[in-house]
Amino acid sequence: MRLFRRPSRRRAAPGGRSPRRRRAGTAAALVAALSAALLGAASCAVGPPGPPVDAAAAAPADAGDPTATPAGTTTGAPPTPAAPTRVPESLRFTGTTLDGKPFAAADLAGGPVVLWFWAPWCATCASQAWTVAEIAPQYRDRVPIVGVAGLGQRTAMRDFVTEFELGGTLQLDDRAGTLWRRFEVVEQSTFLIIDRDGKVIHQGFLDGEDLTRRVAALAAQAG
């Protein structure tokens, strides 16, 4: 009869664990220790997290916009300067007032103007002087009335202005008759009305009522 031998059992290591299990446990412990060391180093380098950053606020205001205007600069084209007032031919003349001051009719361009041709010895001119003295100050800013004195001496002209209280109106000294000839005035008293475009719309006699009505209408158009 053949006898079989019973396989021998390995003797357990002290503590009840086999050498293979001890090696596995040692490796696991090393891995755990290494992981703990790496996590500790990472936490020291990064530091505590900061508040969240708004990407829209952090980006420059003109980022990605090539048409944005840099801060401190103005936008738009520079204002267009106003075109100079055209001076019509009818107002391209100069003169001297009875007070000796220079006068340029071009300064009145852009609005209606009334020229009054008178002489100091003219009775008709004297009757119209009261109307001129009354309405000229009222409409001077919209329809200036400019007297053109001629056919007399300067002293007589100035006395006429004083007598009829015309000191508040422009009075030109045209003893030489330059403006009378320019506008072809052949009698006194003559009113010459120039509209805002420089066109002569009336030349001749006007009584006080007609003069007042025409000047008021021109003032209303001038605003």
C-alpha atoms as a PDB file:
ATOM      1  CA  MET A   1       0.000   0.000   0.000  1.00  0.00           C
ATOM      2  CA  ARG A   2       1.354   3.471  -1.157  1.00  0.00           C
ATOM      3  CA  LEU A   3       1.470   6.149   1.408  1.00  0.00           C
ATOM      4  CA  PHE A   4       0.823   9.878   0.532  1.00  0.00           C
ATOM      5  CA  ARG A   5       2.601  12.675   2.355  1.00  0.00           C
ATOM      6  CA  ARG A   6       0.428  15.568   3.687  1.00  0.00           C
ATOM      7  CA  PRO A   7       1.669  18.907   2.440  1.00  0.00           C
ATOM      8  CA  SER A   8       3.288  20.854   5.144  1.00  0.00           C
ATOM      9  CA  ARG A   9       1.778  24.255   6.139  1.00  0.00           C
ATOM     10  CA  ARG A  10       3.993  27.320   6.320  1.00  0.00           C
ATOM     11  CA  ARG A  11       4.473  28.613   9.711  1.00  0.00           C
ATOM     12  CA  ALA A  12       2.895  31.948  10.220  1.00  0.00           C
ATOM     13  CA  ALA A  13       5.124  34.861  11.023  1.00  0.00           C
ATOM     14  CA  PRO A  14       4.952  36.346  14.457  1.00  0.00           C
ATOM     15  CA  GLY A  15       1.866  38.430  14.905  1.00  0.00           C
ATOM     16  CA  GLY A  16      -0.288  36.257  12.697  1.00  0.00           C
ATOM     17  CA  ARG A  17       0.536  38.010   9.326  1.00  0.00           C
ATOM     18  CA  SER A  18       2.337  36.543   6.381  1.00  0.00           C
ATOM     19  CA  PRO A  19       5.433  38.219   4.827  1.00  0.00           C
ATOM     20  CA  ARG A  20       3.447  39.033   1.641  1.00  0.00           C
ATOM     21  CA  ARG A  21       0.751  40.900   3.569  1.00  0.00           C
ATOM     22  CA  ARG A  22       3.413  42.796   5.522  1.00  0.00           C
ATOM     23  CA  ARG A  23       5.025  44.007   2.268  1.00  0.00           C
ATOM     24  CA  ALA A  24       1.641  45.147   0.858  1.00  0.00           C
ATOM     25  CA  GLY A  25       0.845  47.055   4.019  1.00  0.00           C
ATOM     26  CA  THR A  26       4.270  48.745   3.994  1.00  0.00           C
ATOM     27  CA  ALA A  27       3.808  49.906   0.379  1.00  0.00           C
ATOM     28  CA  ALA A  28       0.364  51.318   1.129  1.00  0.00           C
ATOM     29  CA  ALA A  29       1.740  53.227   4.092  1.00  0.00           C
ATOM     30  CA  LEU A  30       4.508  54.741   1.924  1.00  0.00           C
ATOM     31  CA  VAL A  31       1.998  55.843  -0.725  1.00  0.00           C
ATOM     32  CA  ALA A  32      -0.214  57.453   1.898  1.00  0.00           C
ATOM     33  CA  ALA A  33       2.722  59.304   3.448  1.00  0.00           C
ATOM     34  CA  LEU A  34       3.915  60.593   0.042  1.00  0.00           C
ATOM     35  CA  SER A  35       0.430  61.838  -0.868  1.00  0.00           C
ATOM     36  CA  ALA A  36       0.131  63.663   2.429  1.00  0.00           C
ATOM     37  CA  ALA A  37       3.486  65.358   1.860  1.00  0.00           C
ATOM     38  CA  LEU A  38       2.532  66.496  -1.667  1.00  0.00           C
ATOM     39  CA  LEU A  39      -0.806  67.929  -0.481  1.00  0.00           C
ATOM     40  CA  GLY A  40       0.913  69.852   2.283  1.00  0.00           C
ATOM     41  CA  ALA A  41       3.423  71.403  -0.120  1.00  0.00           C
ATOM     42  CA  ALA A  42       0.661  72.421  -2.548  1.00  0.00           C
ATOM     43  CA  SER A  43      -1.338  74.132   0.188  1.00  0.00           C
ATOM     44  CA  CYS A  44       1.701  76.189   1.258  1.00  0.00           C
ATOM     45  CA  ALA A  45       2.433  77.397  -2.314  1.00  0.00           C
ATOM     46  CA  VAL A  46      -1.102  78.345  -3.343  1.00  0.00           C
ATOM     47  CA  GLY A  47      -2.310  80.054  -0.186  1.00  0.00           C
ATOM     48  CA  PRO A  48      -5.911  80.841   0.713  1.00  0.00           C
ATOM     49  CA  PRO A  49      -8.303  81.439  -2.204  1.00  0.00           C
ATOM     50  CA  GLY A  50      -9.160  85.127  -2.953  1.00  0.00           C
ATOM     51  CA  PRO A  51     -12.522  86.646  -3.857  1.00  0.00           C
ATOM     52  CA  PRO A  52     -13.939  85.826  -7.308  1.00  0.00           C
ATOM     53  CA  VAL A  53     -12.866  88.181 -10.113  1.00  0.00           C
ATOM     54  CA  ASP A  54     -15.422  89.703 -12.463  1.00  0.00           C
ATOM     55  CA  ALA A  55     -13.954  89.234 -15.931  1.00  0.00           C
ATOM     56  CA  ALA A  56     -16.037  92.064 -17.415  1.00  0.00           C
ATOM     57  CA  ALA A  57     -14.873  94.512 -14.727  1.00  0.00           C
ATOM     58  CA  ALA A  58     -11.229  93.464 -14.955  1.00  0.00           C
ATOM     59  CA  ALA A  59     -11.068  93.935 -18.723  1.00  0.00           C
ATOM     60  CA  PRO A  60     -10.207  97.442 -20.049  1.00  0.00           C
ATOM     61  CA  ALA A  61     -13.235  99.535 -21.074  1.00  0.00           C
ATOM     62  CA  ASP A  62     -12.126  99.693 -24.691  1.00  0.00           C
ATOM     63  CA  ALA A  63     -10.856  96.106 -24.933  1.00  0.00           C
ATOM     64  CA  GLY A  64     -11.828  94.603 -28.242  1.00  0.00           C
ATOM     65  CA  ASP A  65     -13.464  97.883 -29.418  1.00  0.00           C
ATOM     66  CA  PRO A  66     -11.203  99.687 -31.914  1.00  0.00           C
ATOM     67  CA  THR A  67     -13.683 102.608 -32.146  1.00  0.00           C
ATOM     68  CA  ALA A  68     -13.666 103.382 -28.403  1.00  0.00           C
ATOM     69  CA  THR A  69     -12.592 106.926 -27.492  1.00  0.00           C
ATOM     70  CA  PRO A  70      -9.708 107.157 -24.995  1.00  0.00           C
ATOM     71  CA  ALA A  71     -10.562 108.750 -21.687  1.00  0.00           C
ATOM     72  CA  GLY A  72     -10.118 112.516 -21.570  1.00  0.00           C
ATOM     73  CA  THR A  73     -10.717 113.108 -25.274  1.00  0.00           C
ATOM     74  CA  THR A  74     -13.688 114.759 -26.935  1.00  0.00           C
ATOM     75  CA  THR A  75     -15.914 113.092 -29.470  1.00  0.00           C
ATOM     76  CA  GLY A  76     -17.384 114.323 -32.701  1.00  0.00           C
ATOM     77  CA  ALA A  77     -16.105 116.746 -35.316  1.00  0.00           C
ATOM     78  CA  PRO A  78     -15.171 120.313 -34.323  1.00  0.00           C
ATOM     79  CA  PRO A  79     -18.045 122.808 -34.643  1.00  0.00           C
ATOM     80  CA  THR A  80     -18.359 124.426 -38.030  1.00  0.00           C
ATOM     81  CA  PRO A  81     -17.785 128.172 -37.804  1.00  0.00           C
ATOM     82  CA  ALA A  82     -20.696 130.331 -38.871  1.00  0.00           C
ATOM     83  CA  ALA A  83     -20.478 131.660 -42.384  1.00  0.00           C
ATOM     84  CA  PRO A  84     -19.775 135.403 -42.534  1.00  0.00           C
ATOM     85  CA  THR A  85     -22.741 137.622 -43.384  1.00  0.00           C
ATOM     86  CA  ARG A  86     -22.836 138.544 -47.049  1.00  0.00           C
ATOM     87  CA  VAL A  87     -22.663 142.289 -47.583  1.00  0.00           C
ATOM     88  CA  PRO A  88     -24.940 143.383 -50.436  1.00  0.00           C
ATOM     89  CA  GLU A  89     -23.872 146.074 -52.860  1.00  0.00           C
ATOM     90  CA  SER A  90     -26.403 148.494 -51.414  1.00  0.00           C
ATOM     91  CA  LEU A  91     -24.560 148.477 -48.057  1.00  0.00           C
ATOM     92  CA  ARG A  92     -21.004 148.655 -49.337  1.00  0.00           C
ATOM     93  CA  PHE A  93     -20.322 152.226 -48.351  1.00  0.00           C
ATOM     94  CA  THR A  94     -18.784 154.137 -45.487  1.00  0.00           C
ATOM     95  CA  GLY A  95     -19.219 157.612 -44.071  1.00  0.00           C
ATOM     96  CA  THR A  96     -18.764 159.888 -41.080  1.00  0.00           C
ATOM     97  CA  THR A  97     -21.401 160.824 -38.529  1.00  0.00           C
ATOM     98  CA  LEU A  98     -22.186 164.412 -37.592  1.00  0.00           C
ATOM     99  CA  ASP A  99     -20.254 163.640 -34.377  1.00  0.00           C
ATOM    100  CA  GLY A 100     -17.147 162.840 -36.434  1.00  0.00           C
ATOM    101  CA  LYS A 101     -17.234 159.066 -35.892  1.00  0.00           C
ATOM    102  CA  PRO A 102     -16.570 156.547 -38.702  1.00  0.00           C
ATOM    103  CA  PHE A 103     -19.509 154.582 -40.053  1.00  0.00           C
ATOM    104  CA  ALA A 104     -19.587 151.344 -42.100  1.00  0.00           C
ATOM    105  CA  ALA A 105     -22.917 150.285 -43.574  1.00  0.00           C
ATOM    106  CA  ALA A 106     -21.600 146.712 -43.863  1.00  0.00           C
ATOM    107  CA  ASP A 107     -22.100 146.411 -40.103  1.00  0.00           C
ATOM    108  CA  LEU A 108     -25.853 146.503 -40.747  1.00  0.00           C
ATOM    109  CA  ALA A 109     -25.842 143.658 -43.302  1.00  0.00           C
ATOM    110  CA  GLY A 110     -28.250 140.800 -42.679  1.00  0.00           C
ATOM    111  CA  GLY A 111     -31.202 142.956 -41.650  1.00  0.00           C
ATOM    112  CA  PRO A 112     -33.425 145.696 -43.040  1.00  0.00           C
ATOM    113  CA  VAL A 113     -32.187 149.294 -43.050  1.00  0.00           C
ATOM    114  CA  VAL A 114     -33.882 152.651 -43.680  1.00  0.00           C
ATOM    115  CA  LEU A 115     -31.879 155.574 -45.084  1.00  0.00           C
ATOM    116  CA  TRP A 116     -33.415 159.019 -44.650  1.00  0.00           C
ATOM    117  CA  PHE A 117     -32.047 161.755 -46.893  1.00  0.00           C
ATOM    118  CA  TRP A 118     -32.790 165.215 -45.490  1.00  0.00           C
ATOM    119  CA  ALA A 119     -31.614 168.814 -45.550  1.00  0.00           C
ATOM    120  CA  PRO A 120     -31.567 171.207 -42.570  1.00  0.00           C
ATOM    121  CA  TRP A 121     -33.623 173.934 -44.298  1.00  0.00           C
ATOM    122  CA  CYS A 122     -36.296 171.500 -45.655  1.00  0.00           C
ATOM    123  CA  ALA A 123     -39.796 172.101 -44.161  1.00  0.00           C
ATOM    124  CA  THR A 124     -40.971 168.639 -45.216  1.00  0.00           C
ATOM    125  CA  CYS A 125     -37.947 167.089 -43.509  1.00  0.00           C
ATOM    126  CA  ALA A 126     -38.805 169.000 -40.337  1.00  0.00           C
ATOM    127  CA  SER A 127     -42.356 167.626 -40.295  1.00  0.00           C
ATOM    128  CA  GLN A 128     -41.039 164.067 -40.699  1.00  0.00           C
ATOM    129  CA  ALA A 129     -38.292 164.479 -38.118  1.00  0.00           C
ATOM    130  CA  TRP A 130     -40.744 164.101 -35.234  1.00  0.00           C
ATOM    131  CA  THR A 131     -41.886 160.701 -36.520  1.00  0.00           C
ATOM    132  CA  VAL A 132     -38.298 159.548 -37.017  1.00  0.00           C
ATOM    133  CA  ALA A 133     -37.367 160.680 -33.507  1.00  0.00           C
ATOM    134  CA  GLU A 134     -40.313 158.726 -32.112  1.00  0.00           C
ATOM    135  CA  ILE A 135     -39.934 155.352 -33.891  1.00  0.00           C
ATOM    136  CA  ALA A 136     -36.168 155.125 -34.437  1.00  0.00           C
ATOM    137  CA  PRO A 137     -35.292 154.278 -30.788  1.00  0.00           C
ATOM    138  CA  GLN A 138     -38.102 151.724 -30.681  1.00  0.00           C
ATOM    139  CA  TYR A 139     -36.894 149.733 -33.699  1.00  0.00           C
ATOM    140  CA  ARG A 140     -33.163 150.525 -33.741  1.00  0.00           C
ATOM    141  CA  ASP A 141     -32.099 146.921 -32.997  1.00  0.00           C
ATOM    142  CA  ARG A 142     -34.260 145.422 -35.772  1.00  0.00           C
ATOM    143  CA  VAL A 143     -34.702 148.203 -38.336  1.00  0.00           C
ATOM    144  CA  PRO A 144     -32.113 150.950 -37.870  1.00  0.00           C
ATOM    145  CA  ILE A 145     -32.961 154.342 -39.400  1.00  0.00           C
ATOM    146  CA  VAL A 146     -29.861 156.182 -40.625  1.00  0.00           C
ATOM    147  CA  GLY A 147     -30.152 159.857 -41.500  1.00  0.00           C
ATOM    148  CA  VAL A 148     -28.085 161.181 -44.413  1.00  0.00           C
ATOM    149  CA  ALA A 149     -27.834 164.953 -44.062  1.00  0.00           C
ATOM    150  CA  GLY A 150     -26.886 167.006 -47.098  1.00  0.00           C
ATOM    151  CA  LEU A 151     -27.316 170.271 -48.980  1.00  0.00           C
ATOM    152  CA  GLY A 152     -26.276 172.383 -45.995  1.00  0.00           C
ATOM    153  CA  GLN A 153     -23.627 173.350 -43.508  1.00  0.00           C
ATOM    154  CA  ARG A 154     -22.556 171.127 -40.666  1.00  0.00           C
ATOM    155  CA  THR A 155     -23.578 173.659 -38.020  1.00  0.00           C
ATOM    156  CA  ALA A 156     -27.095 173.871 -39.460  1.00  0.00           C
ATOM    157  CA  MET A 157     -27.309 170.078 -39.625  1.00  0.00           C
ATOM    158  CA  ARG A 158     -26.339 169.697 -35.990  1.00  0.00           C
ATOM    159  CA  ASP A 159     -28.820 172.367 -34.944  1.00  0.00           C
ATOM    160  CA  PHE A 160     -31.530 170.458 -36.813  1.00  0.00           C
ATOM    161  CA  VAL A 161     -30.670 167.256 -34.926  1.00  0.00           C
ATOM    162  CA  THR A 162     -30.811 169.057 -31.602  1.00  0.00           C
ATOM    163  CA  GLU A 163     -34.079 170.865 -32.345  1.00  0.00           C
ATOM    164  CA  PHE A 164     -35.946 167.714 -33.346  1.00  0.00           C
ATOM    165  CA  GLU A 165     -34.346 165.461 -30.735  1.00  0.00           C
ATOM    166  CA  LEU A 166     -32.665 163.134 -33.215  1.00  0.00           C
ATOM    167  CA  GLY A 167     -29.630 162.542 -31.034  1.00  0.00           C
ATOM    168  CA  GLY A 168     -30.633 158.902 -30.505  1.00  0.00           C
ATOM    169  CA  THR A 169     -30.319 158.090 -34.229  1.00  0.00           C
ATOM    170  CA  LEU A 170     -27.361 157.748 -36.549  1.00  0.00           C
ATOM    171  CA  GLN A 171     -26.911 160.894 -38.649  1.00  0.00           C
ATOM    172  CA  LEU A 172     -24.315 160.939 -41.427  1.00  0.00           C
ATOM    173  CA  ASP A 173     -22.580 164.088 -42.630  1.00  0.00           C
ATOM    174  CA  ASP A 174     -22.902 164.006 -46.441  1.00  0.00           C
ATOM    175  CA  ARG A 175     -22.236 167.644 -47.272  1.00  0.00           C
ATOM    176  CA  ALA A 176     -20.253 166.481 -50.292  1.00  0.00           C
ATOM    177  CA  GLY A 177     -23.309 164.664 -51.625  1.00  0.00           C
ATOM    178  CA  THR A 178     -21.442 161.353 -52.116  1.00  0.00           C
ATOM    179  CA  LEU A 179     -24.283 159.149 -50.883  1.00  0.00           C
ATOM    180  CA  TRP A 180     -26.963 161.290 -52.485  1.00  0.00           C
ATOM    181  CA  ARG A 181     -25.336 160.684 -55.858  1.00  0.00           C
ATOM    182  CA  ARG A 182     -24.674 157.013 -55.148  1.00  0.00           C
ATOM    183  CA  PHE A 183     -28.385 156.339 -54.588  1.00  0.00           C
ATOM    184  CA  GLU A 184     -29.497 158.929 -57.160  1.00  0.00           C
ATOM    185  CA  VAL A 185     -31.494 160.959 -54.666  1.00  0.00           C
ATOM    186  CA  VAL A 186     -32.714 164.173 -56.323  1.00  0.00           C
ATOM    187  CA  GLU A 187     -35.071 165.600 -53.711  1.00  0.00           C
ATOM    188  CA  GLN A 188     -35.651 165.767 -49.996  1.00  0.00           C
ATOM    189  CA  SER A 189     -37.134 164.304 -47.951  1.00  0.00           C
ATOM    190  CA  THR A 190     -36.500 160.819 -49.375  1.00  0.00           C
ATOM    191  CA  PHE A 191     -36.697 157.463 -47.601  1.00  0.00           C
ATOM    192  CA  LEU A 192     -34.796 154.519 -49.056  1.00  0.00           C
ATOM    193  CA  ILE A 193     -35.734 151.131 -47.565  1.00  0.00           C
ATOM    194  CA  ILE A 194     -33.380 148.157 -47.950  1.00  0.00           C
ATOM    195  CA  ASP A 195     -34.621 144.681 -47.009  1.00  0.00           C
ATOM    196  CA  ARG A 196     -32.604 141.973 -45.239  1.00  0.00           C
ATOM    197  CA  ASP A 197     -31.272 140.677 -48.572  1.00  0.00           C
ATOM    198  CA  GLY A 198     -29.938 144.087 -49.556  1.00  0.00           C
ATOM    199  CA  LYS A 199     -32.645 144.848 -52.108  1.00  0.00           C
ATOM    200  CA  VAL A 200     -34.028 148.387 -52.296  1.00  0.00           C
ATOM    201  CA  ILE A 201     -37.789 147.919 -51.887  1.00  0.00           C
ATOM    202  CA  HIS A 202     -38.764 151.589 -51.646  1.00  0.00           C
ATOM    203  CA  GLN A 203     -37.241 154.942 -52.584  1.00  0.00           C
ATOM    204  CA  GLY A 204     -39.224 158.169 -52.324  1.00  0.00           C
ATOM    205  CA  PHE A 205     -41.499 160.161 -50.087  1.00  0.00           C
ATOM    206  CA  LEU A 206     -43.284 158.661 -47.056  1.00  0.00           C
ATOM    207  CA  ASP A 207     -45.484 160.472 -44.597  1.00  0.00           C
ATOM    208  CA  GLY A 208     -45.300 159.695 -40.891  1.00  0.00           C
ATOM    209  CA  GLU A 209     -48.063 157.090 -40.963  1.00  0.00           C
ATOM    210  CA  ASP A 210     -46.656 155.177 -43.950  1.00  0.00           C
ATOM    211  CA  LEU A 211     -43.149 155.251 -42.507  1.00  0.00           C
ATOM    212  CA  THR A 212     -44.346 153.864 -39.170  1.00  0.00           C
ATOM    213  CA  ARG A 213     -46.343 151.104 -40.847  1.00  0.00           C
ATOM    214  CA  ARG A 214     -43.471 149.989 -43.088  1.00  0.00           C
ATOM    215  CA  VAL A 215     -40.899 150.004 -40.295  1.00  0.00           C
ATOM    216  CA  ALA A 216     -43.213 148.017 -37.991  1.00  0.00           C
ATOM    217  CA  ALA A 217     -43.775 145.409 -40.725  1.00  0.00           C
ATOM    218  CA  LEU A 218     -40.020 145.039 -41.316  1.00  0.00           C
ATOM    219  CA  ALA A 219     -39.416 144.677 -37.578  1.00  0.00           C
ATOM    220  CA  ALA A 220     -42.007 141.900 -37.373  1.00  0.00           C
ATOM    221  CA  GLN A 221     -40.267 140.017 -40.209  1.00  0.00           C
ATOM    222  CA  ALA A 222     -36.889 140.445 -38.538  1.00  0.00           C
ATOM    223  CA  GLY A 223     -38.316 138.927 -35.332  1.00  0.00           C
END
